[in-house]
Amino acid sequence: MTDADFVTRTRTFYDTVAEDYAVHFHGLHGTTPLDRGLLAGFAELVGEGGEVADLGCGPGRVTAFLAARGLSIFGLDLSSSMLAIARRENPGLRFEQGSILELDLPDNSLDGVVSWYSTIHTPLDHLPGVFAGFHRVLRPGGHLLLGFQVGDEPRRHEEAFGHRVALDFLRRRPEQMTTLLEAAGFTLRSRTVREADEELGEPVAQACLVARKPPRPTS
């Protein structure tokens, strides 16, 4: 699959299902009190007023959650339909269209990066470049929050909310993702894995990593 194939497929999927997705997942999609605790802990690590990008923000629910906890945050997403919902529901927040593969952001410009299930459609061989981009835009000492589904086998959806759209949902192992983050220059601060929540219909466990771009050495 070429770059254009998986990027286009991802954009088409979410453009098609956006309104149904927003109705079905009316709160924070896929979150439990444990997940919300991790998000709140990340906000505290970054600190009030910290400049953060929610990369792959979808309808902006995580963006809004973190903004309410004092972060200066904006969202970025591939899907224009998802962004339309995010802007409609959160008129006071900033949302931009873009790709995590090509971040049009200055070096060392952010205190935090959120990638809440936004790498789950990105093939493994593209992840080193994605993580290098996250590292580049963070200031020294900045934090990354990375959420993903645990496993080895992808799950392919050929239909969603009655729409004929196809997309692969790629699962990863926390150890694998940690190795990739460390190769990109991050230091792991936290690794959390929780079991699948049957009430949410989750088929597999969920993982969250918090990593840090090392601070500048003090003289």
N, C-alpha and C. Protein backbone atom coordinates (compact mmCIF):
# COMPACT_ATOMS: atom_id res chain seq x y z
N MET A 1 0.84 -1.19 0.00
CA MET A 1 0.00 0.00 0.00
C MET A 1 0.88 1.24 0.00
N THR A 2 0.60 2.20 -0.87
CA THR A 2 1.39 3.42 -0.95
C THR A 2 0.91 4.42 0.10
N ASP A 3 1.72 5.49 0.28
CA ASP A 3 1.34 6.55 1.21
C ASP A 3 -0.05 7.08 0.88
N ALA A 4 -0.26 7.38 -0.41
CA ALA A 4 -1.53 7.95 -0.81
C ALA A 4 -2.69 7.00 -0.52
N ASP A 5 -2.47 5.70 -0.65
CA ASP A 5 -3.53 4.72 -0.42
C ASP A 5 -4.06 4.77 1.01
N PHE A 6 -3.18 4.65 1.99
CA PHE A 6 -3.70 4.56 3.35
C PHE A 6 -4.15 5.91 3.88
N VAL A 7 -3.52 6.99 3.45
CA VAL A 7 -3.98 8.31 3.87
C VAL A 7 -5.34 8.61 3.28
N THR A 8 -5.51 8.35 2.00
CA THR A 8 -6.79 8.59 1.34
C THR A 8 -7.88 7.70 1.93
N ARG A 9 -7.54 6.44 2.19
CA ARG A 9 -8.51 5.51 2.75
C ARG A 9 -8.97 5.97 4.14
N THR A 10 -8.03 6.45 4.94
CA THR A 10 -8.38 6.94 6.27
C THR A 10 -9.26 8.17 6.19
N ARG A 11 -8.89 9.12 5.35
CA ARG A 11 -9.68 10.34 5.21
C ARG A 11 -11.09 10.02 4.70
N THR A 12 -11.19 9.15 3.72
CA THR A 12 -12.50 8.80 3.16
C THR A 12 -13.38 8.12 4.19
N PHE A 13 -12.80 7.22 4.96
CA PHE A 13 -13.55 6.50 6.00
C PHE A 13 -14.18 7.50 6.98
N TYR A 14 -13.37 8.39 7.52
CA TYR A 14 -13.88 9.29 8.56
C TYR A 14 -14.74 10.41 7.99
N ASP A 15 -14.48 10.85 6.76
CA ASP A 15 -15.40 11.80 6.12
C ASP A 15 -16.79 11.18 5.96
N THR A 16 -16.82 9.90 5.63
CA THR A 16 -18.09 9.21 5.37
C THR A 16 -18.88 8.98 6.65
N VAL A 17 -18.22 8.58 7.72
CA VAL A 17 -18.94 8.16 8.94
C VAL A 17 -19.02 9.27 9.99
N ALA A 18 -18.50 10.44 9.73
CA ALA A 18 -18.30 11.44 10.78
C ALA A 18 -19.56 11.75 11.58
N GLU A 19 -20.66 12.06 10.92
CA GLU A 19 -21.87 12.44 11.64
C GLU A 19 -22.44 11.28 12.45
N ASP A 20 -22.43 10.08 11.88
CA ASP A 20 -22.91 8.91 12.61
C ASP A 20 -22.00 8.61 13.80
N TYR A 21 -20.72 8.74 13.59
CA TYR A 21 -19.72 8.52 14.64
C TYR A 21 -19.98 9.47 15.81
N ALA A 22 -20.21 10.75 15.48
CA ALA A 22 -20.40 11.75 16.52
C ALA A 22 -21.66 11.50 17.34
N VAL A 23 -22.70 10.99 16.70
CA VAL A 23 -23.93 10.67 17.42
C VAL A 23 -23.74 9.43 18.28
N HIS A 24 -23.12 8.41 17.71
CA HIS A 24 -22.95 7.15 18.43
C HIS A 24 -22.02 7.31 19.63
N PHE A 25 -20.91 7.99 19.41
CA PHE A 25 -19.95 8.22 20.48
C PHE A 25 -20.14 9.65 20.97
N HIS A 26 -21.19 9.86 21.75
CA HIS A 26 -21.56 11.21 22.13
C HIS A 26 -20.66 11.79 23.21
N GLY A 27 -19.90 10.94 23.90
CA GLY A 27 -18.94 11.44 24.89
C GLY A 27 -17.54 11.21 24.38
N LEU A 28 -16.62 10.99 25.30
CA LEU A 28 -15.26 10.66 24.90
C LEU A 28 -15.24 9.22 24.41
N HIS A 29 -15.01 9.02 23.13
CA HIS A 29 -15.04 7.69 22.53
C HIS A 29 -14.03 6.77 23.17
N GLY A 30 -14.53 5.62 23.59
CA GLY A 30 -13.64 4.59 24.08
C GLY A 30 -12.98 4.91 25.41
N THR A 31 -13.55 5.86 26.18
CA THR A 31 -12.90 6.21 27.42
C THR A 31 -13.66 5.67 28.62
N THR A 32 -12.93 5.29 29.61
CA THR A 32 -13.45 4.87 30.89
C THR A 32 -12.91 5.85 31.93
N PRO A 33 -13.35 5.76 33.18
CA PRO A 33 -12.73 6.62 34.20
C PRO A 33 -11.21 6.47 34.24
N LEU A 34 -10.69 5.27 33.94
CA LEU A 34 -9.24 5.08 33.91
C LEU A 34 -8.61 5.89 32.79
N ASP A 35 -9.24 5.88 31.62
CA ASP A 35 -8.71 6.66 30.50
C ASP A 35 -8.75 8.15 30.80
N ARG A 36 -9.87 8.59 31.35
CA ARG A 36 -9.99 10.01 31.67
C ARG A 36 -8.96 10.43 32.72
N GLY A 37 -8.66 9.51 33.63
CA GLY A 37 -7.62 9.79 34.61
C GLY A 37 -6.26 9.97 33.95
N LEU A 38 -5.97 9.16 32.94
CA LEU A 38 -4.70 9.29 32.22
C LEU A 38 -4.63 10.63 31.48
N LEU A 39 -5.74 11.01 30.86
CA LEU A 39 -5.78 12.29 30.16
C LEU A 39 -5.59 13.45 31.14
N ALA A 40 -6.27 13.38 32.28
CA ALA A 40 -6.12 14.43 33.28
C ALA A 40 -4.71 14.47 33.84
N GLY A 41 -4.11 13.29 34.04
CA GLY A 41 -2.72 13.24 34.52
C GLY A 41 -1.76 13.85 33.52
N PHE A 42 -2.01 13.62 32.24
CA PHE A 42 -1.19 14.23 31.20
C PHE A 42 -1.28 15.75 31.26
N ALA A 43 -2.50 16.26 31.44
CA ALA A 43 -2.69 17.71 31.53
C ALA A 43 -1.90 18.28 32.70
N GLU A 44 -1.87 17.56 33.80
CA GLU A 44 -1.12 18.03 34.97
C GLU A 44 0.38 17.98 34.72
N LEU A 45 0.85 16.95 34.02
CA LEU A 45 2.27 16.88 33.67
C LEU A 45 2.69 18.06 32.81
N VAL A 46 1.87 18.38 31.82
CA VAL A 46 2.20 19.48 30.91
C VAL A 46 2.15 20.81 31.66
N GLY A 47 1.13 20.98 32.49
CA GLY A 47 1.00 22.20 33.27
C GLY A 47 0.03 23.18 32.65
N GLU A 48 -0.66 23.92 33.50
CA GLU A 48 -1.67 24.87 33.05
C GLU A 48 -1.07 25.87 32.07
N GLY A 49 -1.80 26.07 30.97
CA GLY A 49 -1.35 26.99 29.94
C GLY A 49 -0.37 26.39 28.95
N GLY A 50 0.02 25.11 29.16
CA GLY A 50 0.94 24.47 28.24
C GLY A 50 0.37 24.39 26.83
N GLU A 51 1.23 24.60 25.84
CA GLU A 51 0.79 24.58 24.44
C GLU A 51 0.85 23.15 23.92
N VAL A 52 -0.31 22.66 23.46
CA VAL A 52 -0.46 21.25 23.12
C VAL A 52 -1.19 21.12 21.79
N ALA A 53 -0.82 20.09 21.02
CA ALA A 53 -1.54 19.73 19.80
C ALA A 53 -2.17 18.37 19.99
N ASP A 54 -3.47 18.27 19.69
CA ASP A 54 -4.19 16.99 19.67
C ASP A 54 -4.18 16.52 18.22
N LEU A 55 -3.26 15.61 17.91
CA LEU A 55 -3.01 15.21 16.53
C LEU A 55 -3.85 13.99 16.18
N GLY A 56 -4.78 14.18 15.24
CA GLY A 56 -5.78 13.17 14.94
C GLY A 56 -6.95 13.34 15.89
N CYS A 57 -7.44 14.57 15.99
CA CYS A 57 -8.40 14.94 17.03
C CYS A 57 -9.82 14.46 16.77
N GLY A 58 -10.14 14.03 15.53
CA GLY A 58 -11.50 13.61 15.25
C GLY A 58 -12.50 14.72 15.56
N PRO A 59 -13.60 14.40 16.26
CA PRO A 59 -14.61 15.42 16.55
C PRO A 59 -14.25 16.33 17.71
N GLY A 60 -13.04 16.22 18.24
CA GLY A 60 -12.55 17.20 19.19
C GLY A 60 -12.94 16.98 20.64
N ARG A 61 -13.39 15.77 20.99
CA ARG A 61 -13.83 15.54 22.37
C ARG A 61 -12.65 15.53 23.34
N VAL A 62 -11.53 14.87 22.96
CA VAL A 62 -10.34 14.89 23.81
C VAL A 62 -9.76 16.30 23.87
N THR A 63 -9.77 17.02 22.75
CA THR A 63 -9.30 18.39 22.72
C THR A 63 -10.04 19.24 23.74
N ALA A 64 -11.37 19.13 23.73
CA ALA A 64 -12.18 19.91 24.66
C ALA A 64 -11.94 19.50 26.11
N PHE A 65 -11.79 18.19 26.34
CA PHE A 65 -11.54 17.68 27.69
C PHE A 65 -10.26 18.29 28.26
N LEU A 66 -9.23 18.33 27.46
CA LEU A 66 -7.94 18.85 27.91
C LEU A 66 -7.94 20.37 28.00
N ALA A 67 -8.68 21.02 27.11
CA ALA A 67 -8.80 22.49 27.21
C ALA A 67 -9.47 22.88 28.53
N ALA A 68 -10.47 22.08 28.95
CA ALA A 68 -11.17 22.36 30.20
C ALA A 68 -10.26 22.17 31.41
N ARG A 69 -9.14 21.48 31.21
CA ARG A 69 -8.18 21.27 32.30
C ARG A 69 -6.98 22.21 32.19
N GLY A 70 -7.16 23.28 31.45
CA GLY A 70 -6.21 24.37 31.49
C GLY A 70 -5.15 24.38 30.43
N LEU A 71 -5.20 23.45 29.47
CA LEU A 71 -4.19 23.45 28.42
C LEU A 71 -4.57 24.40 27.29
N SER A 72 -3.57 25.00 26.68
CA SER A 72 -3.77 25.80 25.48
C SER A 72 -3.60 24.86 24.30
N ILE A 73 -4.71 24.29 23.84
CA ILE A 73 -4.66 23.15 22.93
C ILE A 73 -5.42 23.43 21.64
N PHE A 74 -4.92 22.89 20.56
CA PHE A 74 -5.64 22.92 19.29
C PHE A 74 -5.66 21.51 18.71
N GLY A 75 -6.61 21.27 17.80
CA GLY A 75 -6.74 19.96 17.19
C GLY A 75 -6.36 19.97 15.73
N LEU A 76 -5.87 18.84 15.26
CA LEU A 76 -5.51 18.65 13.86
C LEU A 76 -6.02 17.30 13.40
N ASP A 77 -6.61 17.25 12.21
CA ASP A 77 -7.15 15.99 11.71
C ASP A 77 -7.17 15.99 10.19
N LEU A 78 -7.12 14.77 9.63
CA LEU A 78 -7.21 14.60 8.18
C LEU A 78 -8.60 14.93 7.63
N SER A 79 -9.63 14.58 8.40
CA SER A 79 -10.99 14.56 7.90
C SER A 79 -11.68 15.91 8.03
N SER A 80 -12.08 16.49 6.91
CA SER A 80 -12.79 17.77 6.95
C SER A 80 -14.16 17.61 7.61
N SER A 81 -14.78 16.45 7.49
CA SER A 81 -16.09 16.24 8.12
C SER A 81 -15.96 16.15 9.64
N MET A 82 -14.92 15.47 10.12
CA MET A 82 -14.68 15.42 11.56
C MET A 82 -14.36 16.82 12.08
N LEU A 83 -13.58 17.59 11.35
CA LEU A 83 -13.24 18.94 11.78
C LEU A 83 -14.47 19.84 11.82
N ALA A 84 -15.40 19.64 10.90
CA ALA A 84 -16.63 20.43 10.91
C ALA A 84 -17.41 20.19 12.20
N ILE A 85 -17.44 18.95 12.66
CA ILE A 85 -18.11 18.62 13.92
C ILE A 85 -17.36 19.24 15.09
N ALA A 86 -16.04 19.10 15.09
CA ALA A 86 -15.22 19.66 16.17
C ALA A 86 -15.43 21.16 16.29
N ARG A 87 -15.47 21.86 15.18
CA ARG A 87 -15.66 23.31 15.21
C ARG A 87 -17.07 23.68 15.63
N ARG A 88 -18.03 22.89 15.20
CA ARG A 88 -19.43 23.14 15.56
C ARG A 88 -19.65 22.95 17.07
N GLU A 89 -19.05 21.92 17.62
CA GLU A 89 -19.26 21.61 19.04
C GLU A 89 -18.37 22.43 19.97
N ASN A 90 -17.27 22.96 19.42
CA ASN A 90 -16.29 23.68 20.25
C ASN A 90 -15.88 24.98 19.56
N PRO A 91 -16.80 25.94 19.47
CA PRO A 91 -16.51 27.16 18.70
C PRO A 91 -15.37 27.99 19.27
N GLY A 92 -15.03 27.78 20.51
CA GLY A 92 -13.94 28.55 21.11
C GLY A 92 -12.56 27.95 20.93
N LEU A 93 -12.48 26.76 20.31
CA LEU A 93 -11.20 26.09 20.12
C LEU A 93 -10.77 26.12 18.65
N ARG A 94 -9.49 25.94 18.44
CA ARG A 94 -8.92 25.98 17.08
C ARG A 94 -8.73 24.56 16.56
N PHE A 95 -9.16 24.35 15.33
CA PHE A 95 -9.00 23.05 14.67
C PHE A 95 -8.49 23.28 13.25
N GLU A 96 -7.50 22.49 12.85
CA GLU A 96 -6.88 22.64 11.55
C GLU A 96 -6.84 21.29 10.84
N GLN A 97 -6.78 21.34 9.52
CA GLN A 97 -6.67 20.12 8.73
C GLN A 97 -5.21 19.84 8.43
N GLY A 98 -4.81 18.58 8.59
CA GLY A 98 -3.44 18.21 8.32
C GLY A 98 -3.21 16.75 8.63
N SER A 99 -1.99 16.30 8.40
CA SER A 99 -1.62 14.89 8.57
C SER A 99 -0.49 14.75 9.56
N ILE A 100 -0.55 13.70 10.38
CA ILE A 100 0.55 13.43 11.30
C ILE A 100 1.81 13.00 10.56
N LEU A 101 1.68 12.65 9.28
CA LEU A 101 2.85 12.29 8.49
C LEU A 101 3.66 13.50 8.06
N GLU A 102 3.01 14.65 8.01
CA GLU A 102 3.68 15.87 7.53
C GLU A 102 3.22 17.04 8.41
N LEU A 103 3.77 17.13 9.60
CA LEU A 103 3.35 18.17 10.53
C LEU A 103 3.91 19.52 10.11
N ASP A 104 3.02 20.45 9.81
CA ASP A 104 3.43 21.80 9.42
C ASP A 104 3.46 22.67 10.68
N LEU A 105 4.36 22.29 11.59
CA LEU A 105 4.51 22.99 12.87
C LEU A 105 5.99 23.28 13.10
N PRO A 106 6.29 24.39 13.76
CA PRO A 106 7.70 24.72 13.98
C PRO A 106 8.38 23.75 14.94
N ASP A 107 9.68 23.64 14.81
CA ASP A 107 10.48 22.85 15.76
C ASP A 107 10.34 23.44 17.16
N ASN A 108 10.35 22.56 18.17
CA ASN A 108 10.41 22.99 19.57
C ASN A 108 9.32 24.01 19.92
N SER A 109 8.11 23.79 19.41
CA SER A 109 7.05 24.79 19.58
C SER A 109 5.95 24.37 20.56
N LEU A 110 5.97 23.12 21.03
CA LEU A 110 4.86 22.62 21.86
C LEU A 110 5.36 22.04 23.17
N ASP A 111 4.52 22.14 24.18
CA ASP A 111 4.80 21.51 25.47
C ASP A 111 4.23 20.11 25.55
N GLY A 112 3.29 19.80 24.68
CA GLY A 112 2.69 18.47 24.69
C GLY A 112 2.11 18.09 23.35
N VAL A 113 2.12 16.79 23.08
CA VAL A 113 1.49 16.23 21.90
C VAL A 113 0.59 15.08 22.36
N VAL A 114 -0.64 15.08 21.88
CA VAL A 114 -1.59 14.00 22.15
C VAL A 114 -1.81 13.23 20.85
N SER A 115 -1.61 11.93 20.91
CA SER A 115 -1.92 11.04 19.78
C SER A 115 -2.83 9.94 20.33
N TRP A 116 -4.09 10.30 20.50
CA TRP A 116 -5.07 9.41 21.13
C TRP A 116 -5.70 8.53 20.05
N TYR A 117 -5.12 7.37 19.82
CA TYR A 117 -5.57 6.41 18.81
C TYR A 117 -5.45 6.97 17.38
N SER A 118 -4.56 7.92 17.17
CA SER A 118 -4.43 8.51 15.84
C SER A 118 -3.38 7.83 14.98
N THR A 119 -2.62 6.86 15.53
CA THR A 119 -1.65 6.13 14.72
C THR A 119 -2.15 4.75 14.34
N ILE A 120 -3.40 4.43 14.66
CA ILE A 120 -3.88 3.05 14.48
C ILE A 120 -4.18 2.69 13.03
N HIS A 121 -4.08 3.65 12.13
CA HIS A 121 -4.24 3.35 10.70
C HIS A 121 -2.91 3.53 9.95
N THR A 122 -1.85 3.84 10.66
CA THR A 122 -0.56 4.12 10.05
C THR A 122 0.29 2.85 10.01
N PRO A 123 0.71 2.40 8.83
CA PRO A 123 1.55 1.20 8.74
C PRO A 123 2.81 1.32 9.58
N LEU A 124 3.29 0.19 10.05
CA LEU A 124 4.42 0.14 10.98
C LEU A 124 5.64 0.86 10.43
N ASP A 125 5.91 0.71 9.15
CA ASP A 125 7.14 1.29 8.61
C ASP A 125 7.10 2.82 8.54
N HIS A 126 5.92 3.40 8.76
CA HIS A 126 5.81 4.86 8.78
C HIS A 126 5.91 5.43 10.19
N LEU A 127 5.80 4.58 11.20
CA LEU A 127 5.79 5.08 12.57
C LEU A 127 7.09 5.77 12.98
N PRO A 128 8.28 5.27 12.58
CA PRO A 128 9.50 6.01 12.97
C PRO A 128 9.46 7.47 12.51
N GLY A 129 8.99 7.71 11.31
CA GLY A 129 8.90 9.09 10.83
C GLY A 129 7.86 9.90 11.59
N VAL A 130 6.74 9.27 11.93
CA VAL A 130 5.70 9.96 12.70
C VAL A 130 6.23 10.35 14.07
N PHE A 131 6.89 9.42 14.74
CA PHE A 131 7.41 9.69 16.09
C PHE A 131 8.54 10.72 16.05
N ALA A 132 9.33 10.69 14.99
CA ALA A 132 10.37 11.71 14.83
C ALA A 132 9.73 13.10 14.69
N GLY A 133 8.60 13.15 13.99
CA GLY A 133 7.87 14.42 13.86
C GLY A 133 7.34 14.91 15.19
N PHE A 134 6.78 13.99 15.99
CA PHE A 134 6.30 14.36 17.32
C PHE A 134 7.46 14.92 18.15
N HIS A 135 8.60 14.25 18.09
CA HIS A 135 9.78 14.68 18.85
C HIS A 135 10.25 16.05 18.38
N ARG A 136 10.23 16.28 17.09
CA ARG A 136 10.72 17.55 16.53
C ARG A 136 9.91 18.73 17.04
N VAL A 137 8.59 18.60 17.09
CA VAL A 137 7.75 19.76 17.41
C VAL A 137 7.67 20.01 18.92
N LEU A 138 8.08 19.06 19.73
CA LEU A 138 8.07 19.25 21.17
C LEU A 138 9.28 20.05 21.65
N ARG A 139 9.04 20.89 22.62
CA ARG A 139 10.15 21.55 23.29
C ARG A 139 10.88 20.54 24.17
N PRO A 140 12.16 20.75 24.46
CA PRO A 140 12.84 19.89 25.42
C PRO A 140 12.06 19.84 26.74
N GLY A 141 11.85 18.64 27.25
CA GLY A 141 11.04 18.46 28.45
C GLY A 141 9.57 18.26 28.17
N GLY A 142 9.14 18.39 26.89
CA GLY A 142 7.74 18.22 26.53
C GLY A 142 7.30 16.76 26.56
N HIS A 143 5.98 16.54 26.69
CA HIS A 143 5.43 15.20 26.85
C HIS A 143 4.55 14.78 25.68
N LEU A 144 4.57 13.49 25.42
CA LEU A 144 3.72 12.85 24.42
C LEU A 144 2.81 11.86 25.11
N LEU A 145 1.52 11.90 24.76
CA LEU A 145 0.54 10.91 25.21
C LEU A 145 0.10 10.10 23.99
N LEU A 146 0.30 8.79 24.04
CA LEU A 146 0.04 7.91 22.90
C LEU A 146 -0.90 6.79 23.31
N GLY A 147 -2.08 6.75 22.71
CA GLY A 147 -3.05 5.70 22.99
C GLY A 147 -3.22 4.79 21.78
N PHE A 148 -3.40 3.48 22.03
CA PHE A 148 -3.57 2.54 20.92
C PHE A 148 -4.16 1.23 21.44
N GLN A 149 -4.60 0.39 20.52
CA GLN A 149 -5.16 -0.92 20.85
C GLN A 149 -4.04 -1.96 20.86
N VAL A 150 -4.14 -2.91 21.78
CA VAL A 150 -3.09 -3.90 21.97
C VAL A 150 -3.37 -5.15 21.14
N GLY A 151 -2.34 -5.66 20.48
CA GLY A 151 -2.49 -6.91 19.74
C GLY A 151 -1.50 -7.00 18.60
N ASP A 152 -1.64 -8.09 17.85
CA ASP A 152 -0.75 -8.36 16.73
C ASP A 152 -1.47 -8.36 15.38
N GLU A 153 -2.74 -8.75 15.40
CA GLU A 153 -3.48 -8.89 14.15
C GLU A 153 -4.37 -7.66 13.92
N PRO A 154 -4.35 -7.10 12.71
CA PRO A 154 -5.23 -5.96 12.42
C PRO A 154 -6.69 -6.39 12.34
N ARG A 155 -7.55 -5.44 12.53
CA ARG A 155 -8.99 -5.68 12.35
C ARG A 155 -9.46 -4.82 11.18
N ARG A 156 -10.01 -5.46 10.18
CA ARG A 156 -10.45 -4.73 8.99
C ARG A 156 -11.95 -4.51 9.05
N HIS A 157 -12.36 -3.27 8.86
CA HIS A 157 -13.77 -2.92 8.78
C HIS A 157 -14.13 -2.69 7.32
N GLU A 158 -15.12 -3.41 6.84
CA GLU A 158 -15.61 -3.22 5.48
C GLU A 158 -16.90 -2.39 5.46
N GLU A 159 -17.46 -2.17 6.65
CA GLU A 159 -18.69 -1.38 6.77
C GLU A 159 -18.71 -0.72 8.14
N ALA A 160 -19.24 0.49 8.20
CA ALA A 160 -19.37 1.19 9.47
C ALA A 160 -20.61 2.07 9.43
N PHE A 161 -21.48 1.89 10.43
CA PHE A 161 -22.72 2.68 10.55
C PHE A 161 -23.55 2.61 9.27
N GLY A 162 -23.53 1.45 8.63
CA GLY A 162 -24.32 1.26 7.42
C GLY A 162 -23.66 1.76 6.14
N HIS A 163 -22.45 2.28 6.24
CA HIS A 163 -21.74 2.78 5.07
C HIS A 163 -20.72 1.74 4.61
N ARG A 164 -20.59 1.57 3.31
CA ARG A 164 -19.61 0.65 2.75
C ARG A 164 -18.27 1.38 2.61
N VAL A 165 -17.50 1.30 3.66
CA VAL A 165 -16.17 1.92 3.68
C VAL A 165 -15.20 0.93 4.32
N ALA A 166 -14.00 0.86 3.78
CA ALA A 166 -13.03 -0.13 4.26
C ALA A 166 -11.82 0.56 4.89
N LEU A 167 -11.41 0.04 6.06
CA LEU A 167 -10.24 0.60 6.74
C LEU A 167 -9.67 -0.44 7.69
N ASP A 168 -8.34 -0.50 7.77
CA ASP A 168 -7.66 -1.39 8.71
C ASP A 168 -7.37 -0.66 10.02
N PHE A 169 -7.70 -1.34 11.13
CA PHE A 169 -7.38 -0.83 12.46
C PHE A 169 -6.22 -1.68 12.97
N LEU A 170 -5.07 -1.06 13.11
CA LEU A 170 -3.83 -1.78 13.39
C LEU A 170 -3.55 -1.79 14.88
N ARG A 171 -3.28 -2.97 15.41
CA ARG A 171 -2.98 -3.13 16.83
C ARG A 171 -1.48 -3.27 17.03
N ARG A 172 -1.01 -2.84 18.19
CA ARG A 172 0.42 -2.85 18.48
C ARG A 172 0.68 -3.44 19.87
N ARG A 173 1.93 -3.79 20.09
CA ARG A 173 2.38 -4.21 21.41
C ARG A 173 3.07 -3.04 22.10
N PRO A 174 2.79 -2.81 23.39
CA PRO A 174 3.44 -1.69 24.09
C PRO A 174 4.96 -1.73 24.01
N GLU A 175 5.54 -2.93 24.09
CA GLU A 175 7.00 -3.04 24.01
C GLU A 175 7.52 -2.56 22.66
N GLN A 176 6.78 -2.89 21.61
CA GLN A 176 7.15 -2.48 20.26
C GLN A 176 7.09 -0.96 20.13
N MET A 177 6.03 -0.37 20.64
CA MET A 177 5.87 1.08 20.54
C MET A 177 6.91 1.80 21.41
N THR A 178 7.22 1.24 22.56
CA THR A 178 8.25 1.83 23.41
C THR A 178 9.60 1.86 22.70
N THR A 179 9.95 0.77 22.03
CA THR A 179 11.21 0.71 21.30
C THR A 179 11.26 1.78 20.20
N LEU A 180 10.15 1.96 19.50
CA LEU A 180 10.10 2.97 18.44
C LEU A 180 10.21 4.39 19.01
N LEU A 181 9.56 4.63 20.13
CA LEU A 181 9.64 5.95 20.75
C LEU A 181 11.05 6.24 21.24
N GLU A 182 11.68 5.26 21.84
CA GLU A 182 13.05 5.46 22.32
C GLU A 182 14.01 5.70 21.16
N ALA A 183 13.79 5.02 20.05
CA ALA A 183 14.62 5.24 18.86
C ALA A 183 14.45 6.65 18.31
N ALA A 184 13.26 7.23 18.54
CA ALA A 184 13.00 8.60 18.07
C ALA A 184 13.54 9.65 19.04
N GLY A 185 14.07 9.21 20.19
CA GLY A 185 14.67 10.14 21.13
C GLY A 185 13.88 10.39 22.39
N PHE A 186 12.75 9.67 22.56
CA PHE A 186 11.92 9.85 23.74
C PHE A 186 12.41 8.99 24.91
N THR A 187 12.05 9.41 26.10
CA THR A 187 12.22 8.63 27.31
C THR A 187 10.85 8.25 27.84
N LEU A 188 10.63 6.96 28.06
CA LEU A 188 9.32 6.51 28.53
C LEU A 188 9.13 6.90 29.99
N ARG A 189 7.95 7.45 30.30
CA ARG A 189 7.63 7.81 31.68
C ARG A 189 6.54 6.92 32.28
N SER A 190 5.65 6.43 31.43
CA SER A 190 4.56 5.61 31.94
C SER A 190 4.06 4.67 30.85
N ARG A 191 3.75 3.44 31.25
CA ARG A 191 3.14 2.47 30.33
C ARG A 191 1.97 1.83 31.05
N THR A 192 0.77 2.04 30.52
CA THR A 192 -0.44 1.53 31.14
C THR A 192 -1.19 0.66 30.15
N VAL A 193 -1.59 -0.52 30.59
CA VAL A 193 -2.42 -1.40 29.78
C VAL A 193 -3.63 -1.79 30.62
N ARG A 194 -4.81 -1.57 30.08
CA ARG A 194 -6.01 -2.02 30.78
C ARG A 194 -6.73 -3.05 29.91
N GLU A 195 -7.46 -3.93 30.55
CA GLU A 195 -8.19 -4.96 29.83
C GLU A 195 -9.36 -4.36 29.06
N ALA A 196 -9.80 -5.10 28.06
CA ALA A 196 -10.93 -4.65 27.25
C ALA A 196 -12.17 -4.45 28.12
N ASP A 197 -12.89 -3.38 27.84
CA ASP A 197 -14.13 -3.07 28.56
C ASP A 197 -15.30 -3.62 27.75
N GLU A 198 -15.96 -4.65 28.28
CA GLU A 198 -17.06 -5.28 27.55
C GLU A 198 -18.23 -4.33 27.34
N GLU A 199 -18.46 -3.44 28.28
CA GLU A 199 -19.57 -2.51 28.15
C GLU A 199 -19.36 -1.55 26.98
N LEU A 200 -18.12 -1.29 26.64
CA LEU A 200 -17.80 -0.44 25.49
C LEU A 200 -17.65 -1.24 24.21
N GLY A 201 -17.76 -2.56 24.31
CA GLY A 201 -17.62 -3.40 23.13
C GLY A 201 -16.20 -3.53 22.64
N GLU A 202 -15.24 -3.32 23.51
CA GLU A 202 -13.84 -3.41 23.10
C GLU A 202 -13.43 -4.87 22.95
N PRO A 203 -12.84 -5.24 21.81
CA PRO A 203 -12.42 -6.63 21.62
C PRO A 203 -11.04 -6.94 22.19
N VAL A 204 -10.23 -5.92 22.43
CA VAL A 204 -8.84 -6.13 22.88
C VAL A 204 -8.49 -5.13 23.97
N ALA A 205 -7.37 -5.39 24.63
CA ALA A 205 -6.87 -4.47 25.65
C ALA A 205 -6.43 -3.16 25.01
N GLN A 206 -6.34 -2.13 25.85
CA GLN A 206 -5.98 -0.79 25.41
C GLN A 206 -4.72 -0.33 26.13
N ALA A 207 -3.85 0.36 25.41
CA ALA A 207 -2.58 0.80 25.99
C ALA A 207 -2.44 2.31 25.90
N CYS A 208 -1.71 2.87 26.86
CA CYS A 208 -1.39 4.29 26.84
C CYS A 208 0.05 4.46 27.31
N LEU A 209 0.84 5.14 26.52
CA LEU A 209 2.22 5.45 26.87
C LEU A 209 2.37 6.95 27.05
N VAL A 210 3.11 7.34 28.07
CA VAL A 210 3.51 8.73 28.25
C VAL A 210 5.02 8.77 28.10
N ALA A 211 5.49 9.57 27.16
CA ALA A 211 6.92 9.69 26.91
C ALA A 211 7.33 11.15 26.94
N ARG A 212 8.62 11.38 27.17
CA ARG A 212 9.12 12.74 27.30
C ARG A 212 10.31 12.98 26.38
N LYS A 213 10.32 14.15 25.77
CA LYS A 213 11.53 14.59 25.08
C LYS A 213 12.49 15.10 26.15
N PRO A 214 13.69 14.54 26.24
CA PRO A 214 14.58 14.92 27.33
C PRO A 214 14.81 16.42 27.42
N PRO A 215 14.82 16.95 28.63
CA PRO A 215 15.10 18.38 28.80
C PRO A 215 16.54 18.71 28.45
N ARG A 216 16.80 19.97 28.19
CA ARG A 216 18.18 20.38 27.93
C ARG A 216 19.00 20.21 29.20
N PRO A 217 20.24 19.73 29.06
CA PRO A 217 21.08 19.58 30.24
C PRO A 217 21.33 20.92 30.92
N THR A 218 21.35 20.89 32.22
CA THR A 218 21.68 22.11 32.97
C THR A 218 23.18 22.17 33.20
N SER A 219 23.72 23.36 33.08
CA SER A 219 25.17 23.52 33.25
C SER A 219 25.54 23.62 34.73
